[in-house]
C-alpha atoms as a PDB file:
ATOM      1  CA  MET A   1      26.573   1.505 -23.294  1.00  0.00           C
ATOM      2  CA  GLY A   2      23.819  -0.449 -25.055  1.00  0.00           C
ATOM      3  CA  ILE A   3      24.114  -3.532 -22.768  1.00  0.00           C
ATOM      4  CA  ILE A   4      24.016  -1.437 -19.711  1.00  0.00           C
ATOM      5  CA  TRP A   5      20.945   0.294 -20.854  1.00  0.00           C
ATOM      6  CA  THR A   6      19.349  -3.034 -21.643  1.00  0.00           C
ATOM      7  CA  ILE A   7      20.063  -4.368 -18.183  1.00  0.00           C
ATOM      8  CA  LEU A   8      18.787  -1.136 -16.535  1.00  0.00           C
ATOM      9  CA  ILE A   9      15.523  -1.252 -18.532  1.00  0.00           C
ATOM     10  CA  GLY A  10      15.161  -4.957 -17.867  1.00  0.00           C
ATOM     11  CA  PHE A  11      15.558  -4.444 -14.066  1.00  0.00           C
ATOM     12  CA  ILE A  12      12.921  -1.725 -14.153  1.00  0.00           C
ATOM     13  CA  VAL A  13      10.590  -3.909 -16.159  1.00  0.00           C
ATOM     14  CA  GLY A  14      11.240  -6.754 -13.736  1.00  0.00           C
ATOM     15  CA  LEU A  15      10.536  -4.551 -10.664  1.00  0.00           C
ATOM     16  CA  VAL A  16       7.254  -3.309 -12.272  1.00  0.00           C
ATOM     17  CA  ALA A  17       6.185  -6.779 -13.202  1.00  0.00           C
ATOM     18  CA  ARG A  18       6.898  -8.011  -9.648  1.00  0.00           C
ATOM     19  CA  ALA A  19       4.893  -5.118  -8.226  1.00  0.00           C
ATOM     20  CA  ILE A  20       1.904  -5.841 -10.485  1.00  0.00           C
ATOM     21  CA  LYS A  21       1.880  -9.672 -10.205  1.00  0.00           C
ATOM     22  CA  PRO A  22       0.116 -10.746  -7.002  1.00  0.00           C
ATOM     23  CA  GLY A  23       1.707 -13.233  -4.675  1.00  0.00           C
ATOM     24  CA  ASP A  24       5.064 -13.796  -3.037  1.00  0.00           C
ATOM     25  CA  ASP A  25       8.040 -13.280  -5.263  1.00  0.00           C
ATOM     26  CA  SER A  26      11.203 -13.944  -3.405  1.00  0.00           C
ATOM     27  CA  ALA A  27      13.360 -13.486  -6.442  1.00  0.00           C
ATOM     28  CA  GLY A  28      16.698 -11.537  -5.957  1.00  0.00           C
ATOM     29  CA  PHE A  29      18.234  -8.780  -7.965  1.00  0.00           C
ATOM     30  CA  ILE A  30      19.814 -10.985 -10.577  1.00  0.00           C
ATOM     31  CA  VAL A  31      16.634 -13.135 -11.216  1.00  0.00           C
ATOM     32  CA  THR A  32      14.478  -9.981 -11.365  1.00  0.00           C
ATOM     33  CA  THR A  33      16.859  -8.390 -13.938  1.00  0.00           C
ATOM     34  CA  ILE A  34      17.085 -11.604 -16.092  1.00  0.00           C
ATOM     35  CA  ILE A  35      13.226 -12.028 -16.058  1.00  0.00           C
ATOM     36  CA  GLY A  36      12.900  -8.350 -16.943  1.00  0.00           C
ATOM     37  CA  VAL A  37      15.418  -8.521 -19.858  1.00  0.00           C
ATOM     38  CA  LEU A  38      13.960 -11.809 -21.211  1.00  0.00           C
ATOM     39  CA  GLY A  39      10.423 -10.515 -20.908  1.00  0.00           C
ATOM     40  CA  SER A  40      11.448  -7.426 -22.793  1.00  0.00           C
ATOM     41  CA  LEU A  41      13.251  -9.253 -25.467  1.00  0.00           C
ATOM     42  CA  ALA A  42      10.340 -11.728 -25.976  1.00  0.00           C
ATOM     43  CA  ALA A  43       7.572  -8.990 -26.048  1.00  0.00           C
ATOM     44  CA  THR A  44       9.644  -6.753 -28.308  1.00  0.00           C
ATOM     45  CA  TYR A  45      10.300  -9.583 -30.800  1.00  0.00           C
ATOM     46  CA  VAL A  46       6.638 -10.766 -30.829  1.00  0.00           C
ATOM     47  CA  GLY A  47       5.118  -7.296 -30.956  1.00  0.00           C
ATOM     48  CA  GLN A  48       7.396  -6.061 -33.775  1.00  0.00           C
ATOM     49  CA  ALA A  49       6.997  -9.324 -35.688  1.00  0.00           C
ATOM     50  CA  LEU A  50       3.293  -8.865 -35.585  1.00  0.00           C
ATOM     51  CA  ASN A  51       3.480  -5.141 -36.496  1.00  0.00           C
ATOM     52  CA  LEU A  52       1.700  -4.216 -33.267  1.00  0.00           C
ATOM     53  CA  TYR A  53       4.203  -1.423 -32.580  1.00  0.00           C
ATOM     54  CA  THR A  54       7.554  -0.019 -33.571  1.00  0.00           C
ATOM     55  CA  VAL A  55      10.708   0.804 -31.719  1.00  0.00           C
ATOM     56  CA  GLY A  56      10.242   3.422 -29.110  1.00  0.00           C
ATOM     57  CA  GLU A  57       6.471   3.391 -28.637  1.00  0.00           C
ATOM     58  CA  PRO A  58       5.073   3.154 -25.129  1.00  0.00           C
ATOM     59  CA  ALA A  59       3.282  -0.005 -26.062  1.00  0.00           C
ATOM     60  CA  GLY A  60       6.691  -1.698 -26.194  1.00  0.00           C
ATOM     61  CA  PHE A  61       7.260  -0.963 -22.527  1.00  0.00           C
ATOM     62  CA  ILE A  62       3.762  -2.279 -21.591  1.00  0.00           C
ATOM     63  CA  ALA A  63       4.319  -5.362 -23.600  1.00  0.00           C
ATOM     64  CA  SER A  64       7.721  -5.908 -21.984  1.00  0.00           C
ATOM     65  CA  VAL A  65       5.964  -5.696 -18.484  1.00  0.00           C
ATOM     66  CA  LEU A  66       3.395  -8.235 -19.717  1.00  0.00           C
ATOM     67  CA  GLY A  67       6.100 -10.518 -20.940  1.00  0.00           C
ATOM     68  CA  ALA A  68       7.966 -10.272 -17.697  1.00  0.00           C
ATOM     69  CA  ILE A  69       4.760 -11.123 -15.732  1.00  0.00           C
ATOM     70  CA  VAL A  70       4.390 -14.249 -17.933  1.00  0.00           C
ATOM     71  CA  LEU A  71       7.902 -15.221 -17.137  1.00  0.00           C
ATOM     72  CA  LEU A  72       7.318 -14.576 -13.354  1.00  0.00           C
ATOM     73  CA  ILE A  73       4.338 -16.946 -13.406  1.00  0.00           C
ATOM     74  CA  LEU A  74       6.462 -19.580 -15.241  1.00  0.00           C
ATOM     75  CA  TRP A  75       9.345 -18.979 -12.685  1.00  0.00           C
ATOM     76  CA  GLY A  76       6.853 -19.514  -9.823  1.00  0.00           C
ATOM     77  CA  LEU A  77       5.636 -22.794 -11.344  1.00  0.00           C
ATOM     78  CA  ILE A  78       9.110 -24.139 -11.849  1.00  0.00           C
ATOM     79  CA  LYS A  79      10.205 -22.980  -8.431  1.00  0.00           C
ATOM     80  CA  LYS A  80       7.220 -24.745  -6.842  1.00  0.00           C
ATOM     81  CA  LYS A  81       8.040 -28.074  -8.503  1.00  0.00           C
ATOM     82  CA  GLY A  82      11.736 -27.831  -7.418  1.00  0.00           C
END
């Protein structure tokens, strides 16, 4: 059940990040989910390593969205070059 929960939260984070980030994001369901999950993992790791927040705090969700936005920007730059 843990992996399904992670994918669901990652998808929600990816959708929120796509809604916040300006510009055209033509990424599909799978790319949105992957970017959301990776953004969540990166933000969670960095935030907890720096003792900015602990597990279960709302700041973790906000950091996850910010991490996903960064990944969306990087995805857009990579997609432009390709």
